[in-house]
Amino acid sequence: MDRPITTLFMLMSVDGKISTGATDELDVDKDLPKIAGVSEGLHQYYEIEQTTDLWTLNSGRVQAKIGVNTKEMPNKTPVSFAVIDNDHLNEHGIKYLCALSKKLVLITTNAKHPAFNVEETDLHIILQEVSSLEDALIKLRSGYGCERITIQTGGTLNSLFLRKKLLDHVDIVVAPVLIGGKDTSTLIDGRSLLSESELSKLGVLKLRECVVLENSYLRLRYDVIH
């Protein structure tokens, strides 16, 4: 394989939502700790997250949503970040992620992205004329030694990984809550299939492990068959 092995790792509600609502002000990381019956077991997701790959792929929108554009600088971690972004991160956000990461690889089609104004030794930029997840993954492996990577993006980007057959494993922590809302982001969003001829774009899974966690949480681990 000329790209890294990928694992989609997410926290979702029982009805598949990865946010608590349809605006960026609503977010599971901020909101679930406030909810009795959900907050008690939430720590398990973050503990599992600490055991995932030493490379993680996020979107600039997700990073902006959790406040990297304004947060105080963090401590360095051993994790390298690949971030897909065209216009959500500012210079402070890029510097924050550089401070946090062993390596930061920004993937963008924006030749005027603020990252080009940042001089950090651990910052690398993949500038694409046309956005290509497959090409980005290939370059992450060949250029930066990324062998395995955890995908933690929003529903729209997750759907692109799915449709392009770029997911190898799925690792989901299910929180005991129903969120609802047709406009609330789910694990896989993006364009719906329109005909039977597109059924090959589904992601067929084989269950590898089902773990009943504390406080009514579940962990579901799958291999993507095709």
C-alpha atoms as a PDB file:
ATOM      1  CA  MET A   1       0.000   0.000   0.000  1.00  0.00           C
ATOM      2  CA  ASP A   2       1.440   3.381  -0.995  1.00  0.00           C
ATOM      3  CA  ARG A   3      -0.597   5.316   1.575  1.00  0.00           C
ATOM      4  CA  PRO A   4      -0.884   5.058   5.364  1.00  0.00           C
ATOM      5  CA  ILE A   5      -3.282   2.615   7.021  1.00  0.00           C
ATOM      6  CA  THR A   6      -6.258   4.704   8.117  1.00  0.00           C
ATOM      7  CA  THR A   7      -8.624   4.425  11.078  1.00  0.00           C
ATOM      8  CA  LEU A   8     -11.732   6.569  11.456  1.00  0.00           C
ATOM      9  CA  PHE A   9     -11.943   7.254  15.206  1.00  0.00           C
ATOM     10  CA  MET A  10     -14.904   9.254  16.459  1.00  0.00           C
ATOM     11  CA  LEU A  11     -17.267   9.847  19.364  1.00  0.00           C
ATOM     12  CA  MET A  12     -20.918   9.694  18.327  1.00  0.00           C
ATOM     13  CA  SER A  13     -24.396   9.536  19.815  1.00  0.00           C
ATOM     14  CA  VAL A  14     -26.571   6.438  19.526  1.00  0.00           C
ATOM     15  CA  ASP A  15     -28.245   8.073  16.495  1.00  0.00           C
ATOM     16  CA  GLY A  16     -24.895   8.710  14.817  1.00  0.00           C
ATOM     17  CA  LYS A  17     -24.444  12.423  15.540  1.00  0.00           C
ATOM     18  CA  ILE A  18     -20.943  13.809  16.049  1.00  0.00           C
ATOM     19  CA  SER A  19     -22.114  17.261  17.140  1.00  0.00           C
ATOM     20  CA  THR A  20     -24.838  18.462  19.477  1.00  0.00           C
ATOM     21  CA  GLY A  21     -26.381  20.790  16.911  1.00  0.00           C
ATOM     22  CA  ALA A  22     -26.142  22.505  13.549  1.00  0.00           C
ATOM     23  CA  THR A  23     -23.945  25.480  14.481  1.00  0.00           C
ATOM     24  CA  ASP A  24     -20.257  25.692  15.337  1.00  0.00           C
ATOM     25  CA  GLU A  25     -21.177  27.024  18.782  1.00  0.00           C
ATOM     26  CA  LEU A  26     -22.531  23.567  19.632  1.00  0.00           C
ATOM     27  CA  ASP A  27     -19.920  20.859  20.097  1.00  0.00           C
ATOM     28  CA  VAL A  28     -19.750  17.463  21.839  1.00  0.00           C
ATOM     29  CA  ASP A  29     -16.467  18.317  23.593  1.00  0.00           C
ATOM     30  CA  LYS A  30     -18.035  21.404  25.174  1.00  0.00           C
ATOM     31  CA  ASP A  31     -21.601  20.215  25.641  1.00  0.00           C
ATOM     32  CA  LEU A  32     -21.525  16.547  26.709  1.00  0.00           C
ATOM     33  CA  PRO A  33     -19.612  17.304  29.958  1.00  0.00           C
ATOM     34  CA  LYS A  34     -22.644  19.377  30.999  1.00  0.00           C
ATOM     35  CA  ILE A  35     -25.172  16.544  30.606  1.00  0.00           C
ATOM     36  CA  ALA A  36     -25.929  14.267  33.554  1.00  0.00           C
ATOM     37  CA  GLY A  37     -25.908  10.620  32.517  1.00  0.00           C
ATOM     38  CA  VAL A  38     -23.447  11.336  29.698  1.00  0.00           C
ATOM     39  CA  SER A  39     -20.649  13.279  31.381  1.00  0.00           C
ATOM     40  CA  GLU A  40     -19.794  10.477  33.818  1.00  0.00           C
ATOM     41  CA  GLY A  41     -18.415   8.140  31.141  1.00  0.00           C
ATOM     42  CA  LEU A  42     -17.020  10.662  28.691  1.00  0.00           C
ATOM     43  CA  HIS A  43     -13.475  10.324  30.042  1.00  0.00           C
ATOM     44  CA  GLN A  44     -13.273   6.871  28.459  1.00  0.00           C
ATOM     45  CA  TYR A  45     -13.337   8.349  24.951  1.00  0.00           C
ATOM     46  CA  TYR A  46     -10.403  10.641  25.726  1.00  0.00           C
ATOM     47  CA  GLU A  47      -8.496   7.798  27.380  1.00  0.00           C
ATOM     48  CA  ILE A  48      -8.944   5.632  24.271  1.00  0.00           C
ATOM     49  CA  GLU A  49      -7.948   8.588  22.097  1.00  0.00           C
ATOM     50  CA  GLN A  50      -4.580   8.642  23.861  1.00  0.00           C
ATOM     51  CA  THR A  51      -3.893   5.133  22.520  1.00  0.00           C
ATOM     52  CA  THR A  52      -4.554   5.910  18.841  1.00  0.00           C
ATOM     53  CA  ASP A  53      -1.952   6.421  16.094  1.00  0.00           C
ATOM     54  CA  LEU A  54       0.909   8.896  16.423  1.00  0.00           C
ATOM     55  CA  TRP A  55      -0.413  10.620  13.301  1.00  0.00           C
ATOM     56  CA  THR A  56      -3.873  12.172  13.256  1.00  0.00           C
ATOM     57  CA  LEU A  57      -5.746  13.920  10.445  1.00  0.00           C
ATOM     58  CA  ASN A  58      -8.157  16.766  11.186  1.00  0.00           C
ATOM     59  CA  SER A  59      -9.876  19.552   9.300  1.00  0.00           C
ATOM     60  CA  GLY A  60      -9.165  23.232   9.824  1.00  0.00           C
ATOM     61  CA  ARG A  61     -12.844  23.770  10.551  1.00  0.00           C
ATOM     62  CA  VAL A  62     -12.808  21.262  13.397  1.00  0.00           C
ATOM     63  CA  GLN A  63      -9.633  22.818  14.820  1.00  0.00           C
ATOM     64  CA  ALA A  64     -11.076  26.340  14.565  1.00  0.00           C
ATOM     65  CA  LYS A  65     -14.260  25.104  16.237  1.00  0.00           C
ATOM     66  CA  ILE A  66     -12.318  23.934  19.302  1.00  0.00           C
ATOM     67  CA  GLY A  67     -10.594  27.309  19.531  1.00  0.00           C
ATOM     68  CA  VAL A  68      -7.019  26.915  18.262  1.00  0.00           C
ATOM     69  CA  ASN A  69      -7.162  30.348  16.595  1.00  0.00           C
ATOM     70  CA  THR A  70      -7.317  32.050  19.995  1.00  0.00           C
ATOM     71  CA  LYS A  71      -6.089  29.553  22.626  1.00  0.00           C
ATOM     72  CA  GLU A  72      -2.905  29.995  24.617  1.00  0.00           C
ATOM     73  CA  MET A  73       0.004  27.950  23.319  1.00  0.00           C
ATOM     74  CA  PRO A  74      -0.062  24.286  24.429  1.00  0.00           C
ATOM     75  CA  ASN A  75       2.651  21.877  25.483  1.00  0.00           C
ATOM     76  CA  LYS A  76       4.324  19.720  22.846  1.00  0.00           C
ATOM     77  CA  THR A  77       2.939  16.206  22.296  1.00  0.00           C
ATOM     78  CA  PRO A  78       4.455  13.202  20.445  1.00  0.00           C
ATOM     79  CA  VAL A  79       1.584  13.269  17.932  1.00  0.00           C
ATOM     80  CA  SER A  80       2.010  14.596  14.385  1.00  0.00           C
ATOM     81  CA  PHE A  81      -0.953  16.382  12.820  1.00  0.00           C
ATOM     82  CA  ALA A  82      -2.089  16.533   9.216  1.00  0.00           C
ATOM     83  CA  VAL A  83      -4.690  19.272   8.787  1.00  0.00           C
ATOM     84  CA  ILE A  84      -6.809  19.904   5.701  1.00  0.00           C
ATOM     85  CA  ASP A  85      -7.668  23.594   5.539  1.00  0.00           C
ATOM     86  CA  ASN A  86      -8.214  26.417   3.081  1.00  0.00           C
ATOM     87  CA  ASP A  87      -9.640  29.276   5.126  1.00  0.00           C
ATOM     88  CA  HIS A  88     -10.525  28.360   8.726  1.00  0.00           C
ATOM     89  CA  LEU A  89      -7.137  28.694  10.442  1.00  0.00           C
ATOM     90  CA  ASN A  90      -5.286  31.961  11.057  1.00  0.00           C
ATOM     91  CA  GLU A  91      -1.577  32.414  11.823  1.00  0.00           C
ATOM     92  CA  HIS A  92      -2.144  31.929  15.545  1.00  0.00           C
ATOM     93  CA  GLY A  93      -3.991  28.681  14.854  1.00  0.00           C
ATOM     94  CA  ILE A  94      -1.083  27.400  12.765  1.00  0.00           C
ATOM     95  CA  LYS A  95       1.439  28.365  15.463  1.00  0.00           C
ATOM     96  CA  TYR A  96      -0.746  26.682  18.101  1.00  0.00           C
ATOM     97  CA  LEU A  97      -0.792  23.431  16.114  1.00  0.00           C
ATOM     98  CA  CYS A  98       2.970  23.648  15.552  1.00  0.00           C
ATOM     99  CA  ALA A  99       3.476  24.027  19.302  1.00  0.00           C
ATOM    100  CA  LEU A 100       1.210  21.029  19.914  1.00  0.00           C
ATOM    101  CA  SER A 101       2.568  18.717  17.202  1.00  0.00           C
ATOM    102  CA  LYS A 102       5.730  16.778  16.608  1.00  0.00           C
ATOM    103  CA  LYS A 103       5.129  17.659  12.945  1.00  0.00           C
ATOM    104  CA  LEU A 104       2.338  19.716  11.394  1.00  0.00           C
ATOM    105  CA  VAL A 105       1.526  19.039   7.750  1.00  0.00           C
ATOM    106  CA  LEU A 106      -1.002  21.469   6.300  1.00  0.00           C
ATOM    107  CA  ILE A 107      -2.857  20.268   3.193  1.00  0.00           C
ATOM    108  CA  THR A 108      -4.401  23.125   1.223  1.00  0.00           C
ATOM    109  CA  THR A 109      -5.390  24.411  -2.206  1.00  0.00           C
ATOM    110  CA  ASN A 110      -5.081  28.018  -0.995  1.00  0.00           C
ATOM    111  CA  ALA A 111      -1.757  29.487  -2.176  1.00  0.00           C
ATOM    112  CA  LYS A 112      -2.402  32.495   0.098  1.00  0.00           C
ATOM    113  CA  HIS A 113      -3.087  30.484   3.256  1.00  0.00           C
ATOM    114  CA  PRO A 114      -1.819  32.236   6.439  1.00  0.00           C
ATOM    115  CA  ALA A 115       0.458  29.250   7.047  1.00  0.00           C
ATOM    116  CA  PHE A 116       2.797  30.547   4.349  1.00  0.00           C
ATOM    117  CA  ASN A 117       3.552  33.507   6.633  1.00  0.00           C
ATOM    118  CA  VAL A 118       4.572  31.247   9.538  1.00  0.00           C
ATOM    119  CA  GLU A 119       8.177  30.162   9.989  1.00  0.00           C
ATOM    120  CA  GLU A 120       8.319  27.036  12.146  1.00  0.00           C
ATOM    121  CA  THR A 121      10.761  24.161  11.713  1.00  0.00           C
ATOM    122  CA  ASP A 122       8.028  21.546  12.282  1.00  0.00           C
ATOM    123  CA  LEU A 123       5.586  23.094   9.760  1.00  0.00           C
ATOM    124  CA  HIS A 124       5.253  21.486   6.323  1.00  0.00           C
ATOM    125  CA  ILE A 125       2.769  22.418   3.600  1.00  0.00           C
ATOM    126  CA  ILE A 126       1.303  20.274   0.825  1.00  0.00           C
ATOM    127  CA  LEU A 127      -0.105  22.717  -1.720  1.00  0.00           C
ATOM    128  CA  GLN A 128      -2.500  21.072  -4.164  1.00  0.00           C
ATOM    129  CA  GLU A 129      -3.898  22.560  -7.367  1.00  0.00           C
ATOM    130  CA  VAL A 130      -6.964  20.333  -6.972  1.00  0.00           C
ATOM    131  CA  SER A 131      -7.915  18.766  -3.668  1.00  0.00           C
ATOM    132  CA  SER A 132      -7.025  15.059  -3.559  1.00  0.00           C
ATOM    133  CA  LEU A 133      -7.205  13.030  -0.366  1.00  0.00           C
ATOM    134  CA  GLU A 134      -5.467  10.064  -1.979  1.00  0.00           C
ATOM    135  CA  ASP A 135      -2.542  12.189  -3.170  1.00  0.00           C
ATOM    136  CA  ALA A 136      -2.254  13.816   0.256  1.00  0.00           C
ATOM    137  CA  LEU A 137      -2.114  10.429   1.980  1.00  0.00           C
ATOM    138  CA  ILE A 138       0.514   9.158  -0.450  1.00  0.00           C
ATOM    139  CA  LYS A 139       2.672  12.223   0.230  1.00  0.00           C
ATOM    140  CA  LEU A 140       2.219  11.835   3.992  1.00  0.00           C
ATOM    141  CA  ARG A 141       3.705   8.366   3.765  1.00  0.00           C
ATOM    142  CA  SER A 142       6.429   8.966   1.172  1.00  0.00           C
ATOM    143  CA  GLY A 143       7.492  12.414   2.358  1.00  0.00           C
ATOM    144  CA  TYR A 144       6.926  12.324   6.112  1.00  0.00           C
ATOM    145  CA  GLY A 145       7.089   8.661   7.141  1.00  0.00           C
ATOM    146  CA  CYS A 146       3.441   8.354   8.112  1.00  0.00           C
ATOM    147  CA  GLU A 147       2.601   4.620   8.220  1.00  0.00           C
ATOM    148  CA  ARG A 148      -0.685   4.758  10.151  1.00  0.00           C
ATOM    149  CA  ILE A 149      -3.034   7.682  10.697  1.00  0.00           C
ATOM    150  CA  THR A 150      -6.209   8.303  12.703  1.00  0.00           C
ATOM    151  CA  ILE A 151      -8.940  10.232  10.878  1.00  0.00           C
ATOM    152  CA  GLN A 152     -10.921  12.661  13.055  1.00  0.00           C
ATOM    153  CA  THR A 153     -12.661  15.068  10.721  1.00  0.00           C
ATOM    154  CA  GLY A 154     -16.234  16.249  10.204  1.00  0.00           C
ATOM    155  CA  GLY A 155     -19.009  14.339   8.507  1.00  0.00           C
ATOM    156  CA  THR A 156     -18.416  15.824   5.052  1.00  0.00           C
ATOM    157  CA  LEU A 157     -14.710  14.972   4.927  1.00  0.00           C
ATOM    158  CA  ASN A 158     -15.415  11.571   6.462  1.00  0.00           C
ATOM    159  CA  SER A 159     -17.762  10.889   3.558  1.00  0.00           C
ATOM    160  CA  LEU A 160     -15.009  11.688   1.051  1.00  0.00           C
ATOM    161  CA  PHE A 161     -12.697   9.190   2.718  1.00  0.00           C
ATOM    162  CA  LEU A 162     -15.504   6.626   2.562  1.00  0.00           C
ATOM    163  CA  ARG A 163     -16.480   7.217  -1.083  1.00  0.00           C
ATOM    164  CA  LYS A 164     -12.826   7.200  -2.200  1.00  0.00           C
ATOM    165  CA  LYS A 165     -12.282   3.872  -0.407  1.00  0.00           C
ATOM    166  CA  LEU A 166      -9.589   5.377   1.821  1.00  0.00           C
ATOM    167  CA  LEU A 167     -10.774   3.937   5.149  1.00  0.00           C
ATOM    168  CA  ASP A 168      -9.264   0.697   6.469  1.00  0.00           C
ATOM    169  CA  HIS A 169     -10.659   0.560  10.001  1.00  0.00           C
ATOM    170  CA  VAL A 170     -13.452   2.208  12.002  1.00  0.00           C
ATOM    171  CA  ASP A 171     -13.238   2.717  15.783  1.00  0.00           C
ATOM    172  CA  ILE A 172     -16.321   4.310  17.333  1.00  0.00           C
ATOM    173  CA  VAL A 173     -17.138   5.239  20.915  1.00  0.00           C
ATOM    174  CA  VAL A 174     -20.925   5.489  21.322  1.00  0.00           C
ATOM    175  CA  ALA A 175     -22.221   7.877  23.980  1.00  0.00           C
ATOM    176  CA  PRO A 176     -25.571   7.056  25.655  1.00  0.00           C
ATOM    177  CA  VAL A 177     -27.505   9.973  24.212  1.00  0.00           C
ATOM    178  CA  LEU A 178     -29.913  10.710  21.362  1.00  0.00           C
ATOM    179  CA  ILE A 179     -29.336  14.092  19.712  1.00  0.00           C
ATOM    180  CA  GLY A 180     -31.477  14.227  16.571  1.00  0.00           C
ATOM    181  CA  GLY A 181     -31.833  17.008  14.032  1.00  0.00           C
ATOM    182  CA  LYS A 182     -31.617  16.504  10.276  1.00  0.00           C
ATOM    183  CA  ASP A 183     -29.031  19.297   9.964  1.00  0.00           C
ATOM    184  CA  THR A 184     -26.799  18.033  12.773  1.00  0.00           C
ATOM    185  CA  SER A 185     -23.585  16.486  11.481  1.00  0.00           C
ATOM    186  CA  THR A 186     -23.356  12.694  11.512  1.00  0.00           C
ATOM    187  CA  LEU A 187     -20.456  10.269  11.324  1.00  0.00           C
ATOM    188  CA  ILE A 188     -20.788  10.244   7.527  1.00  0.00           C
ATOM    189  CA  ASP A 189     -22.451  13.178   5.762  1.00  0.00           C
ATOM    190  CA  GLY A 190     -21.830  14.367   2.208  1.00  0.00           C
ATOM    191  CA  ARG A 191     -23.915  13.651  -0.865  1.00  0.00           C
ATOM    192  CA  SER A 192     -26.486  10.873  -0.599  1.00  0.00           C
ATOM    193  CA  LEU A 193     -26.428   8.038  -3.097  1.00  0.00           C
ATOM    194  CA  LEU A 194     -28.894   8.512  -5.932  1.00  0.00           C
ATOM    195  CA  SER A 195     -29.093   5.170  -7.693  1.00  0.00           C
ATOM    196  CA  GLU A 196     -28.514   1.438  -7.319  1.00  0.00           C
ATOM    197  CA  SER A 197     -25.427   1.784  -9.507  1.00  0.00           C
ATOM    198  CA  GLU A 198     -23.714   3.648  -6.643  1.00  0.00           C
ATOM    199  CA  LEU A 199     -24.089   0.896  -4.055  1.00  0.00           C
ATOM    200  CA  SER A 200     -20.413   0.032  -4.528  1.00  0.00           C
ATOM    201  CA  LYS A 201     -19.652   3.289  -2.675  1.00  0.00           C
ATOM    202  CA  LEU A 202     -21.026   1.881   0.574  1.00  0.00           C
ATOM    203  CA  GLY A 203     -18.537   0.931   3.272  1.00  0.00           C
ATOM    204  CA  VAL A 204     -19.085  -2.700   4.254  1.00  0.00           C
ATOM    205  CA  LEU A 205     -17.721  -3.530   7.700  1.00  0.00           C
ATOM    206  CA  LYS A 206     -16.661  -6.610   9.656  1.00  0.00           C
ATOM    207  CA  LEU A 207     -17.008  -6.335  13.413  1.00  0.00           C
ATOM    208  CA  ARG A 208     -13.699  -6.930  15.157  1.00  0.00           C
ATOM    209  CA  GLU A 209     -14.612  -5.992  18.727  1.00  0.00           C
ATOM    210  CA  CYS A 210     -17.568  -4.758  20.751  1.00  0.00           C
ATOM    211  CA  VAL A 211     -16.690  -3.559  24.248  1.00  0.00           C
ATOM    212  CA  VAL A 212     -19.251  -2.527  26.831  1.00  0.00           C
ATOM    213  CA  LEU A 213     -17.665   0.375  28.675  1.00  0.00           C
ATOM    214  CA  GLU A 214     -18.719   1.970  31.937  1.00  0.00           C
ATOM    215  CA  ASN A 215     -21.707   4.316  32.273  1.00  0.00           C
ATOM    216  CA  SER A 216     -23.572   2.796  29.280  1.00  0.00           C
ATOM    217  CA  TYR A 217     -20.869   3.658  26.715  1.00  0.00           C
ATOM    218  CA  LEU A 218     -19.869   1.262  23.923  1.00  0.00           C
ATOM    219  CA  ARG A 219     -16.758   0.856  21.822  1.00  0.00           C
ATOM    220  CA  LEU A 220     -17.247  -0.642  18.354  1.00  0.00           C
ATOM    221  CA  ARG A 221     -14.249  -1.612  16.224  1.00  0.00           C
ATOM    222  CA  TYR A 222     -14.581  -2.680  12.596  1.00  0.00           C
ATOM    223  CA  ASP A 223     -12.438  -3.567   9.612  1.00  0.00           C
ATOM    224  CA  VAL A 224     -13.597  -2.064   6.318  1.00  0.00           C
ATOM    225  CA  ILE A 225     -14.071  -5.003   3.950  1.00  0.00           C
ATOM    226  CA  HIS A 226     -14.850  -2.932   0.839  1.00  0.00           C
END
